[in-house]
Each structure stands twice: as C-alpha cells, then as structure tokens.
Amino acid sequence: MSHQIYNLKHTGSGNFFLLAGPCVIEGEAMAMRIAEHIVKLSDQYQIPYVFKGSYRKANRSRIDSFTGIGDEQALTILRKVGDTFGIPVVTDIHSAEEAVMAAPFADILQIPAFLCRQTDLLVAAAETGRIINIKKGQFLSPQAMKYAVDKVVESGNEQVMLTERGTTFGYQDLIVDYRGIPQMRSFGYPVVLDITHSLQQPNQTGGVTGGLPGMIETIAKAGIAVGVDGLFIETHEDPSVAKSDGANMLRLDLLEELLVKLIRVREAVR
C-alpha cells in the first residue's frame, strides 16, 4: 500500500495483500469467526490482511433487501474485530456525513463504484486522514480514475488505493478488462482487484443480484498474473444464507485452497 498501516502484518513477504470478509456485518459472532479464520490463514501464508465488512448496504436492488443491523452496532463490531486480532479494517461509506462517522472505526474508507465521481464524498473521505480505497465505476475507463485520485490527493491526502471491479457489459453482466490494472497502477498508487463483485450479474428480473462464484479462481489468477497489488474477496461461512451478495461470495472453507494457488502464481510471475 502507498502508506503502511501500522497494524498491517507480513508486509515484507512479497505477497499480494488481501481485503476479505463478509459483504455486510450480520452480527458480532459471525464477524469474529470469519476474521479469526482468515487471520490464521494470513499468518500461515504470510499475507498482509485487512478485514472487510460493510456496516450498511445502501445500494440494494429492492427496498425490502437487508441493509444492516444498525450503524453504531456494526461499526463497533468492526472496531472490535480490528482490536481483537490486531489487524486493519475497511468499510464502505456513501455520503460525506458517513465519512466522519465511520473514520474512528475503520483504517480504510472505501468509496463504492457507483459513487466514485461524487466530489463531496471523496473530499470528505480524504479529510478524515484515513486511507481511501476508490472502486472504479462500472461505467468508467481506467484512465478516468485519475480524476478521482486527484480529488483525494488535492484535498491533502495521498493515501489512495484503486479497485477494479468489472465494467458493465450489456444490462446484466460485468467484464474485467485486465488492461486496466497496469493502466491504473501507472498513477503510482496500489491497485486492488475485487474478485467477487466482478462476478456479479446485476439487474436480474427478480430484483436480486446474481453471480458466477465458479469463476472466482479464474478471475483471481488472471489478476495476479497481470500484477495486481491486492485482492478483494467477500467470503461467508454459508453464502446461501448470506444477507447480501450471497450469489457471488466465496465459501469460507474454500479460501485456503485459493490462496495457496494464488501465491504460486505470484511467485511464478515475480
């Protein structure tokens, strides 16, 4: 990462870094179990690890979709995960007001792809002094993300990451253009590949986003091969009952096998 986080471990290993966890915080027990499992893997394989969990889901397809357990409760759980395991945490924000609210609880603030052009949101996030992870809009070219970076940097914060998460292809699919990874890396900031959101199939007729989790390994291997700095993977003990993004999440017990394969790819292309 462009600026080392004080509690990010294994930074000298040469491995990709990992942002992983559930799509949304559904409760303390599940968050702690998932974090504990991934922390053990990150220690075993020397992978710098950041716990990911959204405290609120604002961009749901339907009004009756689950959005969260309550901001204060979810943010407190995020901070407890970080403090318990001595790891950094990342969460999404959706408005300038949320930037100020979430910053005390998270080490990295993430800007959702749909909101990556929102100047007031980017400026407010930058002013918190946290690392800012900007997801590339599904509707933008990689080169256009330079302007999102500039909004953060020109607000006095050079702690920026960019995340590729697929580009809209027709009405109900996303495609990852791997040319975008080196193009965005040329800006001088770390680039992350969001594996699981890249496999979403949005705008389904039932109002629930679909996905292609069987392609997770394919997308991840290709990202490592073209030199991505970090990976973003949403994972759940049982995606079939997850309250958000279950259709494209990785089952938690499959994560270790995937990481082992990706480390081998990383070693091969170094």
Protein backbone atom coordinates (compact mmCIF):
# COMPACT_ATOMS: atom_id res chain seq x y z
CA MET A 1 0.00 0.00 0.00
CA SER A 2 1.14 3.56 -0.62
CA HIS A 3 1.38 4.31 3.10
CA GLN A 4 1.99 1.50 5.55
CA ILE A 5 -0.80 0.91 8.05
CA TYR A 6 0.73 0.49 11.48
CA ASN A 7 -1.04 -2.80 12.16
CA LEU A 8 -0.75 -4.38 8.70
CA LYS A 9 1.29 -7.55 9.14
CA HIS A 10 3.55 -9.57 6.81
CA THR A 11 4.34 -6.58 4.59
CA GLY A 12 7.83 -7.88 3.87
CA SER A 13 6.66 -11.21 2.45
CA GLY A 14 6.31 -10.04 -1.13
CA ASN A 15 2.77 -11.43 -1.30
CA PHE A 16 -0.28 -9.60 -2.58
CA PHE A 17 -2.33 -8.03 0.21
CA LEU A 18 -5.84 -9.24 0.93
CA LEU A 19 -9.06 -7.40 1.79
CA ALA A 20 -11.56 -10.07 2.78
CA GLY A 21 -14.60 -10.67 4.93
CA PRO A 22 -18.38 -10.76 4.70
CA CYS A 23 -20.31 -8.44 2.43
CA VAL A 24 -22.13 -6.91 5.39
CA ILE A 25 -21.80 -7.23 9.16
CA GLU A 26 -24.68 -9.53 10.14
CA GLY A 27 -23.65 -9.85 13.79
CA GLU A 28 -20.63 -9.95 16.10
CA ALA A 29 -20.24 -13.72 16.32
CA MET A 30 -20.11 -14.27 12.55
CA ALA A 31 -17.70 -11.39 12.03
CA MET A 32 -15.32 -12.69 14.70
CA ARG A 33 -15.42 -16.25 13.35
CA ILE A 34 -14.71 -15.17 9.79
CA ALA A 35 -11.92 -12.82 10.88
CA GLU A 36 -10.30 -15.48 13.06
CA HIS A 37 -10.31 -17.99 10.19
CA ILE A 38 -8.73 -15.56 7.72
CA VAL A 39 -6.20 -14.23 10.23
CA LYS A 40 -4.92 -17.78 10.76
CA LEU A 41 -4.52 -18.23 7.02
CA SER A 42 -2.84 -14.85 6.62
CA ASP A 43 -0.34 -15.72 9.36
CA GLN A 44 0.30 -19.18 7.94
CA TYR A 45 0.92 -17.91 4.40
CA GLN A 46 2.40 -14.50 5.27
CA ILE A 47 -0.31 -12.48 3.53
CA PRO A 48 -0.92 -8.86 4.60
CA TYR A 49 -4.58 -8.87 5.62
CA VAL A 50 -7.32 -6.26 6.07
CA PHE A 51 -10.73 -7.35 7.39
CA LYS A 52 -13.61 -6.15 5.20
CA GLY A 53 -17.18 -5.67 6.31
CA SER A 54 -19.82 -3.14 5.30
CA TYR A 55 -21.63 -1.62 8.26
CA ARG A 56 -24.51 -0.66 5.99
CA LYS A 57 -25.56 -1.65 2.46
CA ALA A 58 -27.01 1.36 0.70
CA ASN A 59 -27.10 0.17 -2.92
CA ARG A 60 -29.58 -2.71 -2.76
CA SER A 61 -31.74 -3.77 -5.67
CA ARG A 62 -35.00 -3.81 -3.70
CA ILE A 63 -36.39 -1.69 -0.90
CA ASP A 64 -37.02 -4.79 1.23
CA SER A 65 -33.40 -6.01 0.99
CA PHE A 66 -31.35 -6.26 4.19
CA THR A 67 -29.28 -3.12 4.77
CA GLY A 68 -27.64 -3.76 8.14
CA ILE A 69 -28.03 -4.29 11.87
CA GLY A 70 -27.64 -0.60 12.71
CA ASP A 71 -24.72 1.73 12.04
CA GLU A 72 -23.39 2.12 15.57
CA GLN A 73 -23.62 -1.57 16.37
CA ALA A 74 -21.96 -2.66 13.12
CA LEU A 75 -19.19 -0.07 13.33
CA THR A 76 -18.47 -1.10 16.93
CA ILE A 77 -18.17 -4.73 15.77
CA LEU A 78 -15.75 -3.69 13.02
CA ARG A 79 -13.54 -1.91 15.52
CA LYS A 80 -13.70 -4.88 17.89
CA VAL A 81 -12.54 -7.20 15.11
CA GLY A 82 -9.61 -4.91 14.41
CA ASP A 83 -8.64 -4.55 18.06
CA THR A 84 -9.09 -8.24 18.90
CA PHE A 85 -6.89 -9.53 16.11
CA GLY A 86 -4.57 -6.54 15.72
CA ILE A 87 -5.50 -6.02 12.07
CA PRO A 88 -6.75 -3.08 10.00
CA VAL A 89 -10.37 -2.94 8.84
CA VAL A 90 -12.08 -1.44 5.79
CA THR A 91 -15.71 -0.41 5.31
CA ASP A 92 -17.79 1.44 2.71
CA ILE A 93 -19.19 4.93 3.08
CA HIS A 94 -21.93 6.51 0.99
CA SER A 95 -22.06 10.19 1.97
CA ALA A 96 -19.86 12.96 3.33
CA GLU A 97 -21.57 12.63 6.72
CA GLU A 98 -20.76 8.93 6.84
CA ALA A 99 -17.06 9.64 6.29
CA VAL A 100 -16.82 11.48 9.59
CA MET A 101 -18.97 8.89 11.36
CA ALA A 102 -17.06 5.82 10.14
CA ALA A 103 -13.49 7.12 10.27
CA PRO A 104 -12.93 6.46 14.02
CA PHE A 105 -13.88 2.80 13.50
CA ALA A 106 -12.01 1.95 10.27
CA ASP A 107 -8.46 2.20 8.97
CA ILE A 108 -9.54 2.34 5.33
CA LEU A 109 -12.64 4.03 3.95
CA GLN A 110 -13.98 2.56 0.73
CA ILE A 111 -15.83 4.54 -1.92
CA PRO A 112 -18.41 2.38 -3.74
CA ALA A 113 -18.06 2.15 -7.51
CA PHE A 114 -21.38 3.88 -8.19
CA LEU A 115 -20.16 6.88 -6.14
CA CYS A 116 -16.58 7.25 -7.37
CA ARG A 117 -17.32 10.56 -9.13
CA GLN A 118 -19.00 12.17 -6.09
CA THR A 119 -16.67 15.05 -5.29
CA ASP A 120 -18.10 15.91 -1.87
CA LEU A 121 -17.80 12.28 -0.78
CA LEU A 122 -14.19 11.95 -1.97
CA VAL A 123 -13.18 15.22 -0.34
CA ALA A 124 -14.86 14.35 2.98
CA ALA A 125 -13.20 10.92 2.97
CA ALA A 126 -9.81 12.47 2.22
CA GLU A 127 -10.16 14.95 5.06
CA THR A 128 -10.51 12.14 7.62
CA GLY A 129 -6.85 11.24 7.03
CA ARG A 130 -7.73 7.58 6.52
CA ILE A 131 -6.52 5.51 3.58
CA ILE A 132 -9.12 5.82 0.81
CA ASN A 133 -9.94 2.87 -1.44
CA ILE A 134 -11.84 4.08 -4.51
CA LYS A 135 -13.66 1.46 -6.52
CA LYS A 136 -13.65 2.09 -10.25
CA GLY A 137 -17.10 2.83 -11.60
CA GLN A 138 -18.56 0.11 -13.78
CA PHE A 139 -19.18 2.91 -16.29
CA LEU A 140 -15.70 4.47 -16.35
CA SER A 141 -12.48 3.81 -18.19
CA PRO A 142 -9.39 3.03 -16.09
CA GLN A 143 -7.79 6.28 -17.26
CA ALA A 144 -10.74 8.30 -15.94
CA MET A 145 -9.99 7.14 -12.39
CA LYS A 146 -7.04 9.52 -12.35
CA TYR A 147 -9.51 12.32 -11.68
CA ALA A 148 -10.98 10.51 -8.68
CA VAL A 149 -7.46 10.08 -7.32
CA ASP A 150 -6.74 13.77 -7.90
CA LYS A 151 -9.78 14.80 -5.84
CA VAL A 152 -8.41 12.92 -2.83
CA VAL A 153 -4.79 13.97 -3.27
CA GLU A 154 -5.67 17.61 -3.89
CA SER A 155 -7.66 17.51 -0.65
CA GLY A 156 -4.41 16.79 1.19
CA ASN A 157 -4.45 13.00 1.39
CA GLU A 158 -2.05 10.89 -0.71
CA GLN A 159 -3.14 7.61 0.91
CA VAL A 160 -5.12 6.23 -2.01
CA MET A 161 -5.87 2.82 -3.50
CA LEU A 162 -7.91 1.96 -6.57
CA THR A 163 -10.04 -1.15 -7.02
CA GLU A 164 -11.08 -2.74 -10.30
CA ARG A 165 -14.49 -4.42 -10.03
CA GLY A 166 -15.54 -5.08 -13.61
CA THR A 167 -17.13 -2.99 -16.33
CA THR A 168 -20.79 -3.05 -17.30
CA PHE A 169 -21.36 -5.35 -20.27
CA GLY A 170 -24.89 -5.10 -21.58
CA TYR A 171 -27.63 -4.90 -18.99
CA GLN A 172 -26.90 -7.90 -16.77
CA ASP A 173 -23.21 -8.70 -16.76
CA LEU A 174 -19.75 -7.40 -15.92
CA ILE A 175 -16.43 -7.99 -17.66
CA VAL A 176 -12.94 -7.43 -16.23
CA ASP A 177 -10.64 -5.67 -18.69
CA TYR A 178 -7.21 -6.63 -17.36
CA ARG A 179 -5.54 -3.84 -19.32
CA GLY A 180 -6.96 -1.51 -16.69
CA ILE A 181 -4.78 -2.88 -13.91
CA PRO A 182 -1.41 -1.72 -15.31
CA GLN A 183 -3.07 1.44 -16.58
CA MET A 184 -4.26 2.37 -13.09
CA ARG A 185 -1.00 1.23 -11.47
CA SER A 186 0.76 3.81 -13.65
CA PHE A 187 -0.81 6.52 -11.46
CA GLY A 188 1.58 5.45 -8.70
CA TYR A 189 -0.94 4.01 -6.23
CA PRO A 190 -1.77 0.40 -5.30
CA VAL A 191 -4.42 -1.33 -7.36
CA VAL A 192 -6.76 -3.99 -5.97
CA LEU A 193 -8.87 -6.47 -7.94
CA ASP A 194 -12.31 -7.07 -6.46
CA ILE A 195 -12.79 -10.71 -7.40
CA THR A 196 -16.29 -11.35 -6.14
CA HIS A 197 -18.06 -8.16 -7.23
CA SER A 198 -16.54 -8.57 -10.69
CA LEU A 199 -18.60 -11.74 -10.93
CA GLN A 200 -21.93 -10.16 -10.10
CA GLN A 201 -24.79 -10.33 -12.57
CA PRO A 202 -26.83 -7.26 -11.67
CA ASN A 203 -30.33 -6.21 -12.70
CA GLN A 204 -31.87 -9.66 -12.60
CA THR A 205 -35.61 -9.79 -13.14
CA GLY A 206 -36.27 -10.98 -9.57
CA GLY A 207 -34.60 -7.88 -8.12
CA VAL A 208 -31.76 -9.88 -6.52
CA THR A 209 -28.26 -9.65 -7.99
CA GLY A 210 -26.91 -12.93 -9.37
CA GLY A 211 -23.34 -14.09 -9.69
CA LEU A 212 -20.81 -16.59 -11.01
CA PRO A 213 -18.81 -17.80 -7.99
CA GLY A 214 -17.44 -20.72 -10.01
CA MET A 215 -15.26 -18.20 -11.84
CA ILE A 216 -13.58 -16.78 -8.71
CA GLU A 217 -10.35 -18.74 -9.21
CA THR A 218 -10.16 -17.77 -12.89
CA ILE A 219 -10.58 -14.05 -12.23
CA ALA A 220 -8.15 -14.11 -9.29
CA LYS A 221 -5.39 -15.99 -11.11
CA ALA A 222 -5.58 -13.61 -14.05
CA GLY A 223 -5.38 -10.59 -11.74
CA ILE A 224 -2.27 -11.89 -10.00
CA ALA A 225 -0.72 -12.73 -13.38
CA VAL A 226 -1.03 -9.13 -14.62
CA GLY A 227 0.49 -7.68 -11.45
CA VAL A 228 -2.34 -6.52 -9.22
CA ASP A 229 -1.15 -5.37 -5.78
CA GLY A 230 -4.05 -6.64 -3.72
CA LEU A 231 -7.17 -8.78 -3.87
CA PHE A 232 -10.64 -8.10 -2.50
CA ILE A 233 -12.73 -11.18 -1.75
CA GLU A 234 -16.07 -11.33 0.02
CA THR A 235 -16.48 -14.59 1.89
CA HIS A 236 -19.08 -16.17 4.14
CA GLU A 237 -19.45 -19.41 6.05
CA ASP A 238 -22.58 -20.23 4.05
CA PRO A 239 -23.22 -17.86 1.12
CA SER A 240 -26.63 -19.45 0.53
CA VAL A 241 -27.94 -17.77 3.69
CA ALA A 242 -25.88 -14.56 3.50
CA LYS A 243 -27.99 -11.43 3.80
CA SER A 244 -26.17 -9.68 0.92
CA ASP A 245 -24.26 -10.77 -2.20
CA GLY A 246 -24.57 -14.47 -1.44
CA ALA A 247 -24.71 -15.25 -5.17
CA ASN A 248 -21.10 -14.23 -5.79
CA MET A 249 -19.31 -14.73 -2.45
CA LEU A 250 -16.65 -17.37 -1.83
CA ARG A 251 -17.46 -20.04 0.74
CA LEU A 252 -15.07 -19.52 3.63
CA ASP A 253 -13.75 -23.10 3.70
CA LEU A 254 -12.60 -22.73 0.08
CA LEU A 255 -10.41 -19.70 0.75
CA GLU A 256 -7.25 -21.53 1.80
CA GLU A 257 -7.01 -23.62 -1.37
CA LEU A 258 -7.49 -20.49 -3.47
CA LEU A 259 -4.83 -18.52 -1.61
CA VAL A 260 -2.28 -21.33 -2.00
CA LYS A 261 -2.81 -21.35 -5.76
CA LEU A 262 -2.58 -17.57 -5.99
CA ILE A 263 0.68 -17.47 -4.04
CA ARG A 264 2.13 -19.91 -6.57
CA VAL A 265 1.01 -17.69 -9.45
CA ARG A 266 2.53 -14.67 -7.72
CA GLU A 267 5.86 -16.46 -7.30
CA ALA A 268 5.82 -17.51 -10.95
CA VAL A 269 5.31 -14.01 -12.34
CA ARG A 270 7.54 -12.09 -9.95
